[in-house]
Amino acid sequence: MKTLFAPESNISIVVSEQNRVSMPPYPYIVMRIENQRMTKMPETRYLKNQNNSIEMASNITLNVQFCGQQAMSMAEIVAGTFATSYASDCFAQISQNVYPLYAQSAIKLPWVDESAQFFEKYTLNLVFEFHTNITLPGQTALELQAGLSNGEQITIKSV
């Protein structure tokens, strides 16, 4: 992530925010996952004599906050870069399952830090598509036995 947000710089990147934890010196970037939602229903692939798999896709919204003197320019650079093939190439090196989709416009937030000094703070939402592939075992059980709360036993056999 540092490659995209702050290449060759000393800017600290904080993943998530925890209460009562001091932030690093300015400038810094705070990132946290805001939302994850499924974009397509899980699709099961049945392969003869092989492991079966379930494929899913979801959108992930990553909130990025830029804090410090150059917050506006950092937010604009990341939003602009996110819309280019550079972002796709960067994430392809990290993972074959994550694809950058788009960046929402940066919003300026009023910000007064713990020493009562006013600093620039911009927030930006980045949206990714994430593909998940779950491999299922190739062999399945021939019989399932379950005990009910009333003490009965149920057996289901494969035909």
Protein backbone atom coordinates (compact mmCIF):
# COMPACT_ATOMS: atom_id res chain seq x y z
CA MET A 1 0.00 0.00 0.00
CA LYS A 2 2.87 2.37 0.72
CA THR A 3 3.87 2.09 -2.95
CA LEU A 4 0.59 3.69 -4.04
CA PHE A 5 0.03 6.18 -1.21
CA ALA A 6 3.50 7.39 -0.28
CA PRO A 7 6.29 6.03 -2.47
CA GLU A 8 9.82 6.83 -1.28
CA SER A 9 8.67 9.03 1.61
CA ASN A 10 8.72 9.02 5.38
CA ILE A 11 4.95 9.37 5.72
CA SER A 12 3.53 7.02 8.35
CA ILE A 13 0.54 4.89 7.43
CA VAL A 14 -1.79 3.97 10.30
CA VAL A 15 -4.10 1.03 9.64
CA SER A 16 -7.38 1.67 11.49
CA GLU A 17 -7.74 3.99 14.46
CA GLN A 18 -7.83 2.97 18.08
CA ASN A 19 -9.02 5.20 20.87
CA ARG A 20 -6.42 6.68 23.19
CA VAL A 21 -3.53 5.88 20.88
CA SER A 22 -1.46 8.86 19.80
CA MET A 23 -0.96 9.42 16.12
CA PRO A 24 2.50 9.71 14.53
CA PRO A 25 3.98 13.13 13.71
CA TYR A 26 2.50 14.99 10.74
CA PRO A 27 2.04 14.22 7.90
CA TYR A 28 0.44 10.78 8.14
CA ILE A 29 -2.26 8.65 6.51
CA VAL A 30 -5.01 6.67 8.29
CA MET A 31 -6.71 3.77 6.47
CA ARG A 32 -9.66 1.63 7.49
CA ILE A 33 -12.18 -0.60 5.74
CA GLU A 34 -15.54 1.15 5.77
CA ASN A 35 -17.75 -1.34 3.95
CA GLN A 36 -17.71 -4.74 2.28
CA ARG A 37 -20.64 -6.04 0.29
CA MET A 38 -21.12 -9.00 -2.00
CA THR A 39 -21.54 -7.98 -5.64
CA LYS A 40 -22.37 -11.36 -7.12
CA MET A 41 -23.94 -14.49 -5.71
CA PRO A 42 -21.51 -17.29 -4.87
CA GLU A 43 -20.99 -19.58 -7.85
CA THR A 44 -20.13 -23.22 -7.26
CA ARG A 45 -18.02 -25.04 -9.86
CA TYR A 46 -18.26 -28.83 -9.86
CA LEU A 47 -15.31 -30.50 -11.54
CA LYS A 48 -15.27 -34.25 -12.15
CA ASN A 49 -12.50 -36.08 -10.23
CA GLN A 50 -11.17 -32.77 -8.84
CA ASN A 51 -11.81 -30.42 -5.95
CA ASN A 52 -14.92 -28.28 -6.30
CA SER A 53 -14.74 -24.56 -5.71
CA ILE A 54 -16.93 -21.59 -4.78
CA GLU A 55 -16.19 -18.23 -6.39
CA MET A 56 -17.42 -14.94 -4.90
CA ALA A 57 -16.88 -11.26 -5.63
CA SER A 58 -17.37 -8.31 -3.31
CA ASN A 59 -16.74 -4.57 -3.26
CA ILE A 60 -14.58 -3.17 -0.47
CA THR A 61 -14.60 0.52 0.40
CA LEU A 62 -11.36 1.71 1.97
CA ASN A 63 -11.50 5.08 3.74
CA VAL A 64 -8.18 6.94 3.57
CA GLN A 65 -7.56 10.09 5.62
CA PHE A 66 -4.64 12.36 4.79
CA CYS A 67 -3.48 14.51 7.71
CA GLY A 68 -0.92 17.31 7.74
CA GLN A 69 0.38 20.15 5.61
CA GLN A 70 0.15 18.50 2.19
CA ALA A 71 -3.13 16.63 2.81
CA MET A 72 -5.01 18.11 -0.14
CA SER A 73 -2.29 17.41 -2.69
CA MET A 74 -1.74 13.86 -1.33
CA ALA A 75 -5.49 13.15 -1.63
CA GLU A 76 -5.62 14.52 -5.18
CA ILE A 77 -2.56 12.52 -6.23
CA VAL A 78 -3.97 9.25 -4.86
CA ALA A 79 -7.44 9.88 -6.37
CA GLY A 80 -5.90 10.68 -9.76
CA THR A 81 -3.45 7.77 -9.65
CA PHE A 82 -6.19 5.35 -8.59
CA ALA A 83 -8.00 5.97 -11.88
CA THR A 84 -4.99 4.97 -14.01
CA SER A 85 -3.41 1.69 -15.05
CA TYR A 86 -0.62 2.38 -12.52
CA ALA A 87 -2.98 1.42 -9.67
CA SER A 88 -4.01 -1.78 -11.47
CA ASP A 89 -0.37 -2.73 -12.04
CA CYS A 90 0.53 -1.89 -8.44
CA PHE A 91 -2.23 -4.08 -6.98
CA ALA A 92 -1.51 -6.88 -9.46
CA GLN A 93 1.95 -7.17 -7.86
CA ILE A 94 0.37 -7.42 -4.40
CA SER A 95 -2.54 -9.76 -5.13
CA GLN A 96 -4.25 -11.34 -8.13
CA ASN A 97 -7.62 -11.05 -6.32
CA VAL A 98 -7.83 -7.26 -5.73
CA TYR A 99 -8.84 -4.81 -8.48
CA PRO A 100 -9.09 -1.03 -8.00
CA LEU A 101 -12.42 0.30 -9.32
CA TYR A 102 -12.73 4.02 -8.56
CA ALA A 103 -12.01 6.80 -6.08
CA GLN A 104 -14.66 9.15 -4.75
CA SER A 105 -13.89 12.86 -4.53
CA ALA A 106 -11.77 14.00 -1.60
CA ILE A 107 -13.59 15.91 1.15
CA LYS A 108 -11.96 18.46 3.45
CA LEU A 109 -12.57 17.89 7.15
CA PRO A 110 -11.98 20.48 9.86
CA TRP A 111 -9.32 19.13 12.19
CA VAL A 112 -7.84 20.37 15.44
CA ASP A 113 -5.22 18.08 16.97
CA GLU A 114 -4.46 17.40 20.63
CA SER A 115 -2.20 20.47 20.89
CA ALA A 116 -5.08 22.69 19.62
CA GLN A 117 -3.40 23.39 16.30
CA PHE A 118 -5.42 23.42 13.10
CA PHE A 119 -4.18 21.08 10.38
CA GLU A 120 -5.47 20.03 7.01
CA LYS A 121 -7.31 16.75 6.87
CA TYR A 122 -8.86 15.24 3.74
CA THR A 123 -10.80 12.00 3.49
CA LEU A 124 -11.12 9.86 0.39
CA ASN A 125 -12.98 6.60 -0.29
CA LEU A 126 -11.34 4.05 -2.58
CA VAL A 127 -13.44 1.18 -3.92
CA PHE A 128 -11.92 -2.20 -4.81
CA GLU A 129 -13.33 -5.43 -6.20
CA PHE A 130 -12.15 -8.50 -4.31
CA HIS A 131 -12.46 -12.05 -5.68
CA THR A 132 -12.52 -15.01 -3.32
CA ASN A 133 -12.10 -18.64 -4.34
CA ILE A 134 -12.85 -21.33 -1.75
CA THR A 135 -11.73 -24.88 -2.58
CA LEU A 136 -14.03 -27.63 -1.35
CA PRO A 137 -12.87 -31.19 -0.69
CA GLY A 138 -13.25 -33.56 -3.64
CA GLN A 139 -14.74 -36.33 -1.53
CA THR A 140 -18.02 -35.97 0.30
CA ALA A 141 -19.45 -37.90 3.21
CA LEU A 142 -21.61 -40.90 2.37
CA GLU A 143 -23.53 -40.65 5.63
CA LEU A 144 -24.53 -37.83 7.99
CA GLN A 145 -25.58 -38.51 11.56
CA ALA A 146 -27.09 -35.83 13.78
CA GLY A 147 -28.44 -35.85 17.29
CA LEU A 148 -31.51 -33.77 18.04
CA SER A 149 -32.15 -31.91 21.29
CA ASN A 150 -34.94 -34.36 22.22
CA GLY A 151 -32.46 -37.27 22.12
CA GLU A 152 -33.40 -38.65 18.70
CA GLN A 153 -30.72 -39.66 16.21
CA ILE A 154 -31.14 -38.90 12.52
CA THR A 155 -29.09 -40.60 9.80
CA ILE A 156 -29.04 -39.36 6.21
CA LYS A 157 -27.40 -41.67 3.69
CA SER A 158 -26.21 -40.80 0.21
CA VAL A 159 -27.85 -42.70 -2.65
